[in-house]
Protein backbone atom coordinates (compact mmCIF):
# COMPACT_ATOMS: atom_id res chain seq x y z
CA UNK A 1 -21.36 40.51 -4.04
CA UNK A 2 -25.12 40.43 -3.90
CA UNK A 3 -25.84 42.63 -0.86
CA UNK A 4 -29.09 40.88 -0.03
CA UNK A 5 -27.79 37.31 -0.41
CA UNK A 6 -29.10 35.26 2.51
CA UNK A 7 -26.66 33.17 4.54
CA UNK A 8 -27.67 30.60 7.14
CA UNK A 9 -24.97 29.90 9.73
CA UNK A 10 -25.39 26.55 11.50
CA UNK A 11 -23.04 26.54 14.49
CA UNK A 12 -23.53 25.37 18.07
CA UNK A 13 -20.58 27.34 19.47
CA UNK A 14 -22.38 30.55 20.40
CA UNK A 15 -19.24 32.69 20.31
CA UNK A 16 -18.30 31.49 16.82
CA UNK A 17 -21.89 31.87 15.62
CA UNK A 18 -22.12 35.41 16.98
CA UNK A 19 -18.77 36.36 15.41
CA UNK A 20 -19.72 34.98 12.00
CA UNK A 21 -23.14 36.60 12.10
CA UNK A 22 -21.69 40.02 12.94
CA UNK A 23 -18.91 39.70 10.36
CA UNK A 24 -21.13 38.74 7.43
CA UNK A 25 -23.76 41.34 8.35
CA UNK A 26 -21.05 43.99 8.09
CA UNK A 27 -20.19 42.54 4.66
CA UNK A 28 -23.75 43.30 3.57
CA UNK A 29 -25.37 39.86 3.78
CA UNK A 30 -28.72 38.98 5.30
CA UNK A 31 -27.68 36.51 8.01
CA UNK A 32 -29.63 34.07 10.17
CA UNK A 33 -28.31 31.55 12.70
CA UNK A 34 -29.33 28.07 13.82
CA UNK A 35 -27.57 26.29 16.69
CA UNK A 36 -29.17 22.87 16.14
CA UNK A 37 -29.32 20.64 13.06
CA UNK A 38 -33.07 20.15 13.13
CA UNK A 39 -33.59 23.91 13.39
CA UNK A 40 -31.36 24.38 10.35
CA UNK A 41 -33.42 21.98 8.25
CA UNK A 42 -36.64 23.73 9.31
CA UNK A 43 -35.18 27.18 8.63
CA UNK A 44 -34.57 26.21 5.00
CA UNK A 45 -38.18 25.24 4.28
CA UNK A 46 -40.21 28.47 4.12
CA UNK A 47 -37.57 30.36 2.10
CA UNK A 48 -34.28 28.58 1.33
CA UNK A 49 -31.14 30.64 2.01
CA UNK A 50 -28.68 31.39 -0.77
CA UNK A 51 -25.84 29.64 1.10
CA UNK A 52 -25.27 27.64 4.28
CA UNK A 53 -22.15 27.66 6.46
CA UNK A 54 -22.55 24.34 8.24
CA UNK A 55 -20.70 22.97 11.25
CA UNK A 56 -20.49 19.17 11.39
CA UNK A 57 -20.56 18.65 15.15
CA UNK A 58 -24.00 19.72 16.33
CA UNK A 59 -25.95 18.86 19.51
CA UNK A 60 -28.64 16.73 17.83
CA UNK A 61 -28.14 15.54 14.24
CA UNK A 62 -24.72 16.19 12.72
CA UNK A 63 -23.94 18.39 9.74
CA UNK A 64 -23.71 15.40 7.43
CA UNK A 65 -27.31 14.50 8.22
CA UNK A 66 -28.39 18.11 7.72
CA UNK A 67 -26.73 18.14 4.29
CA UNK A 68 -28.23 14.74 3.43
CA UNK A 69 -31.77 15.94 4.21
CA UNK A 70 -31.32 19.16 2.27
CA UNK A 71 -29.91 17.34 -0.76
CA UNK A 72 -32.85 14.90 -0.74
CA UNK A 73 -35.41 17.71 -0.87
CA UNK A 74 -36.08 19.19 -4.29
CA UNK A 75 -36.66 22.62 -2.76
CA UNK A 76 -33.27 22.74 -1.05
CA UNK A 77 -31.05 20.38 -3.07
CA UNK A 78 -29.14 23.18 -4.84
CA UNK A 79 -28.26 25.36 -1.85
CA UNK A 80 -24.47 25.84 -1.72
CA UNK A 81 -23.06 24.33 1.49
CA UNK A 82 -19.69 25.18 3.02
CA UNK A 83 -18.70 22.79 5.80
CA UNK A 84 -16.89 24.53 8.66
CA UNK A 85 -15.49 21.92 11.01
CA UNK A 86 -12.71 20.57 13.21
CA UNK A 87 -12.78 17.26 11.34
CA UNK A 88 -9.61 17.06 9.22
CA UNK A 89 -9.27 13.51 7.91
CA UNK A 90 -9.51 12.63 4.24
CA UNK A 91 -12.49 10.38 5.00
CA UNK A 92 -14.35 13.31 6.58
CA UNK A 93 -13.63 15.50 3.54
CA UNK A 94 -14.79 12.79 1.15
CA UNK A 95 -17.97 12.25 3.13
CA UNK A 96 -18.76 15.96 2.94
CA UNK A 97 -17.95 16.19 -0.76
CA UNK A 98 -19.98 13.08 -1.55
CA UNK A 99 -22.97 14.82 0.04
CA UNK A 100 -22.57 17.64 -2.45
CA UNK A 101 -20.79 20.21 -0.29
CA UNK A 102 -19.37 23.13 -2.26
CA UNK A 103 -16.41 23.59 0.05
CA UNK A 104 -14.83 22.29 3.23
CA UNK A 105 -12.91 24.54 5.65
CA UNK A 106 -11.31 23.33 8.88
CA UNK A 107 -11.08 25.18 12.17
CA UNK A 108 -9.24 27.34 13.10
CA UNK A 109 -10.03 29.19 9.89
CA UNK A 110 -8.99 32.39 8.16
CA UNK A 111 -12.04 34.65 8.12
CA UNK A 112 -10.86 36.37 4.94
CA UNK A 113 -10.54 33.00 3.20
CA UNK A 114 -14.05 32.07 4.35
CA UNK A 115 -15.38 35.39 3.07
CA UNK A 116 -13.87 34.78 -0.39
CA UNK A 117 -15.13 31.23 -0.54
CA UNK A 118 -18.62 32.41 0.41
CA UNK A 119 -18.44 35.04 -2.31
CA UNK A 120 -17.22 32.52 -4.91
CA UNK A 121 -19.90 29.98 -4.01
CA UNK A 122 -22.63 32.61 -4.26
CA UNK A 123 -21.30 33.79 -7.61
CA UNK A 124 -21.24 30.24 -8.97
CA UNK A 125 -24.76 29.67 -7.74
CA UNK A 126 -26.32 32.93 -8.94
CA UNK A 127 -24.62 32.93 -12.34
CA UNK A 128 -24.80 29.17 -12.86
CA UNK A 129 -21.03 29.20 -13.37
CA UNK A 130 -19.70 25.78 -14.35
CA UNK A 131 -15.97 26.53 -14.16
CA UNK A 132 -13.72 26.55 -11.10
CA UNK A 133 -13.08 30.22 -10.18
CA UNK A 134 -9.37 29.59 -9.50
CA UNK A 135 -8.28 27.36 -12.40
CA UNK A 136 -11.06 27.91 -14.92
CA UNK A 137 -11.51 24.16 -15.41
CA UNK A 138 -15.06 22.75 -15.58
CA UNK A 139 -16.69 21.32 -12.47
CA UNK A 140 -20.17 20.52 -11.22
CA UNK A 141 -22.83 20.00 -13.88
CA UNK A 142 -20.45 20.12 -16.85
CA UNK A 143 -18.14 17.60 -15.22
CA UNK A 144 -21.09 15.30 -14.52
CA UNK A 145 -22.17 15.62 -18.14
CA UNK A 146 -18.79 14.44 -19.42
CA UNK A 147 -18.61 11.62 -16.88
CA UNK A 148 -22.07 10.43 -17.94
CA UNK A 149 -20.77 10.09 -21.49
CA UNK A 150 -18.19 7.63 -20.18
CA UNK A 151 -20.96 5.33 -18.94
CA UNK A 152 -21.98 4.60 -22.53
CA UNK A 153 -18.51 4.32 -24.09
CA UNK A 154 -15.54 1.99 -23.82
CA UNK A 155 -12.70 4.04 -25.30
CA UNK A 156 -11.72 6.17 -22.33
CA UNK A 157 -9.54 6.35 -19.25
CA UNK A 158 -9.85 8.88 -16.44
CA UNK A 159 -6.54 10.08 -15.09
CA UNK A 160 -6.84 11.45 -11.54
CA UNK A 161 -4.29 14.09 -10.48
CA UNK A 162 -4.55 15.09 -6.81
CA UNK A 163 -2.61 17.67 -4.84
CA UNK A 164 -1.68 16.31 -1.41
CA UNK A 165 -1.11 18.50 1.67
CA UNK A 166 -2.40 21.67 0.03
CA UNK A 167 -4.36 22.35 3.24
CA UNK A 168 -1.12 22.30 5.26
CA UNK A 169 0.50 24.60 2.71
CA UNK A 170 -2.52 26.95 2.93
CA UNK A 171 -2.36 27.01 6.72
CA UNK A 172 1.32 27.97 6.58
CA UNK A 173 1.35 30.48 3.71
CA UNK A 174 -2.26 31.59 3.20
CA UNK A 175 -5.01 30.99 0.68
CA UNK A 176 -3.53 33.35 -1.93
CA UNK A 177 -0.36 31.26 -2.11
CA UNK A 178 -2.36 28.00 -2.23
CA UNK A 179 -4.50 29.38 -5.05
CA UNK A 180 -1.28 30.20 -6.94
CA UNK A 181 -0.27 26.54 -6.57
CA UNK A 182 -3.60 25.41 -8.02
CA UNK A 183 -3.28 27.79 -10.97
CA UNK A 184 0.28 26.71 -11.72
CA UNK A 185 -0.55 23.00 -11.53
CA UNK A 186 -3.63 23.47 -13.70
CA UNK A 187 -1.48 25.19 -16.34
CA UNK A 188 1.05 22.34 -16.32
CA UNK A 189 -1.74 19.78 -16.72
CA UNK A 190 -3.28 21.81 -19.55
CA UNK A 191 0.06 22.09 -21.38
CA UNK A 192 0.74 18.36 -21.03
CA UNK A 193 -2.69 17.46 -22.44
CA UNK A 194 -2.34 20.00 -25.24
CA UNK A 195 1.04 18.58 -26.27
CA UNK A 196 0.15 14.89 -26.06
CA UNK A 197 -3.60 14.66 -26.53
CA UNK A 198 -6.26 15.94 -28.87
CA UNK A 199 -8.98 18.63 -28.72
CA UNK A 200 -11.63 16.21 -27.48
CA UNK A 201 -9.74 15.47 -24.25
CA UNK A 202 -11.34 16.86 -21.10
CA UNK A 203 -9.82 18.41 -17.95
CA UNK A 204 -12.01 19.16 -14.94
CA UNK A 205 -12.28 19.30 -11.15
CA UNK A 206 -13.82 16.51 -9.10
CA UNK A 207 -12.84 18.32 -5.89
CA UNK A 208 -10.95 21.55 -5.30
CA UNK A 209 -7.64 19.65 -5.17
CA UNK A 210 -8.41 16.71 -7.48
CA UNK A 211 -8.19 17.18 -11.22
CA UNK A 212 -9.46 14.60 -13.67
CA UNK A 213 -8.38 14.19 -17.28
CA UNK A 214 -10.50 12.08 -19.65
CA UNK A 215 -8.28 10.85 -22.48
CA UNK A 216 -7.69 7.95 -24.86
CA UNK A 217 -5.94 4.80 -23.61
CA UNK A 218 -3.03 5.35 -25.99
CA UNK A 219 -1.60 8.40 -24.22
CA UNK A 220 -2.47 7.92 -20.56
CA UNK A 221 0.88 6.45 -19.46
CA UNK A 222 2.98 9.07 -21.23
CA UNK A 223 0.64 11.83 -20.05
CA UNK A 224 0.83 10.62 -16.45
CA UNK A 225 4.64 10.57 -16.57
CA UNK A 226 4.77 14.04 -18.13
CA UNK A 227 2.46 15.58 -15.53
CA UNK A 228 4.27 13.92 -12.62
CA UNK A 229 7.67 15.08 -13.85
CA UNK A 230 6.64 18.69 -14.50
CA UNK A 231 4.60 19.17 -11.32
CA UNK A 232 6.93 17.45 -8.87
CA UNK A 233 9.90 19.42 -10.21
CA UNK A 234 8.05 22.64 -9.42
CA UNK A 235 6.98 21.97 -5.83
CA UNK A 236 10.07 23.46 -4.13
CA UNK A 237 9.56 26.75 -5.96
CA UNK A 238 6.16 27.27 -4.35
CA UNK A 239 7.81 27.58 -0.93
CA UNK A 240 9.64 30.75 0.20
CA UNK A 241 13.38 30.36 -0.30
CA UNK A 242 14.01 30.37 3.45
CA UNK A 243 11.69 27.37 3.94
CA UNK A 244 12.74 25.10 1.08
CA UNK A 245 15.22 23.16 3.22
CA UNK A 246 13.25 23.28 6.47
CA UNK A 247 10.10 21.43 5.39
CA UNK A 248 11.76 18.02 5.31
CA UNK A 249 8.95 15.79 6.53
CA UNK A 250 7.62 14.21 3.30
CA UNK A 251 4.24 13.64 4.91
CA UNK A 252 3.78 17.40 5.30
CA UNK A 253 5.14 18.70 1.99
CA UNK A 254 3.22 19.32 -1.20
CA UNK A 255 2.95 16.09 -3.13
CA UNK A 256 1.19 14.60 -6.13
CA UNK A 257 -0.98 11.50 -6.31
CA UNK A 258 -1.94 10.01 -9.65
CA UNK A 259 -4.33 7.17 -10.40
CA UNK A 260 -6.57 6.04 -13.20
CA UNK A 261 -9.99 4.51 -13.78
CA UNK A 262 -11.09 2.76 -16.96
CA UNK A 263 -13.99 0.59 -18.14
CA UNK A 264 -11.95 -2.48 -17.16
CA UNK A 265 -12.62 -1.62 -13.52
CA UNK A 266 -16.37 -1.44 -14.13
CA UNK A 267 -18.91 -1.87 -15.35
CA UNK A 268 -20.07 1.54 -14.14
CA UNK A 269 -23.81 1.80 -14.56
CA UNK A 270 -24.37 5.00 -12.56
CA UNK A 271 -22.63 8.35 -12.35
CA UNK A 272 -22.15 8.16 -8.58
CA UNK A 273 -20.41 4.78 -8.86
CA UNK A 274 -17.97 6.19 -11.40
CA UNK A 275 -17.29 9.30 -9.33
CA UNK A 276 -16.75 7.17 -6.21
CA UNK A 277 -14.19 5.06 -8.09
CA UNK A 278 -12.33 8.18 -9.23
CA UNK A 279 -12.40 9.65 -5.71
CA UNK A 280 -10.97 6.43 -4.36
CA UNK A 281 -8.02 6.67 -6.76
CA UNK A 282 -7.43 10.30 -5.88
């Protein structure tokens, strides 16, 4: 941890803001607080912070607008942003991720999980890390680079592999257990691609729970079936033995969603259009 890393906390709940400020100061960070969206944007201008913890519901402009303004300013467009919010729907998550948020944590939150995600975001930013710290798969700039290559070629298909309900699993069993799920699933995807594909195939992260695999048309169906079979067979083993028969609601259990995007669904003339199409299928 960089002891002098500067964190801006944007939170209108004064009790939460005070708690976060005190906690991260004890952790050795230089912390400032803004309770309004406009104040947050202004606070980033003289000397941008190293990271922003950003609530979405604010008294004036919302967190989405704050992020949008920061991302449109060359001076602040690379500041890591972690959304901290009560909004839980998939649409809310996608909106935050489309604005370039580094992470998205819902309230009530685990302060230890938030601390680790702050640390990981700062490490990625300061070291220009381009791999996901949990799975080791490329994300961010390297992912964008590979997706841009697809815009000029016709011989590809993007297989989207998304973990569903990982947030519910994390809430029940903790972030260490959920990270173990991500690592295990990433290994199964890697092994399937290694066995069926070729060295030029690409595996990366579009979001923390959505993997993408760029492969040739000829193997996508077999690869999809192989990944689905291996991953879905493993889901029960991620739960403690005592809970394997109690989590019966299929809408709350770990699940897998697969989809694909190819040039036939285009043409895709811009990176953001392609990423939006992949997000939609994930």
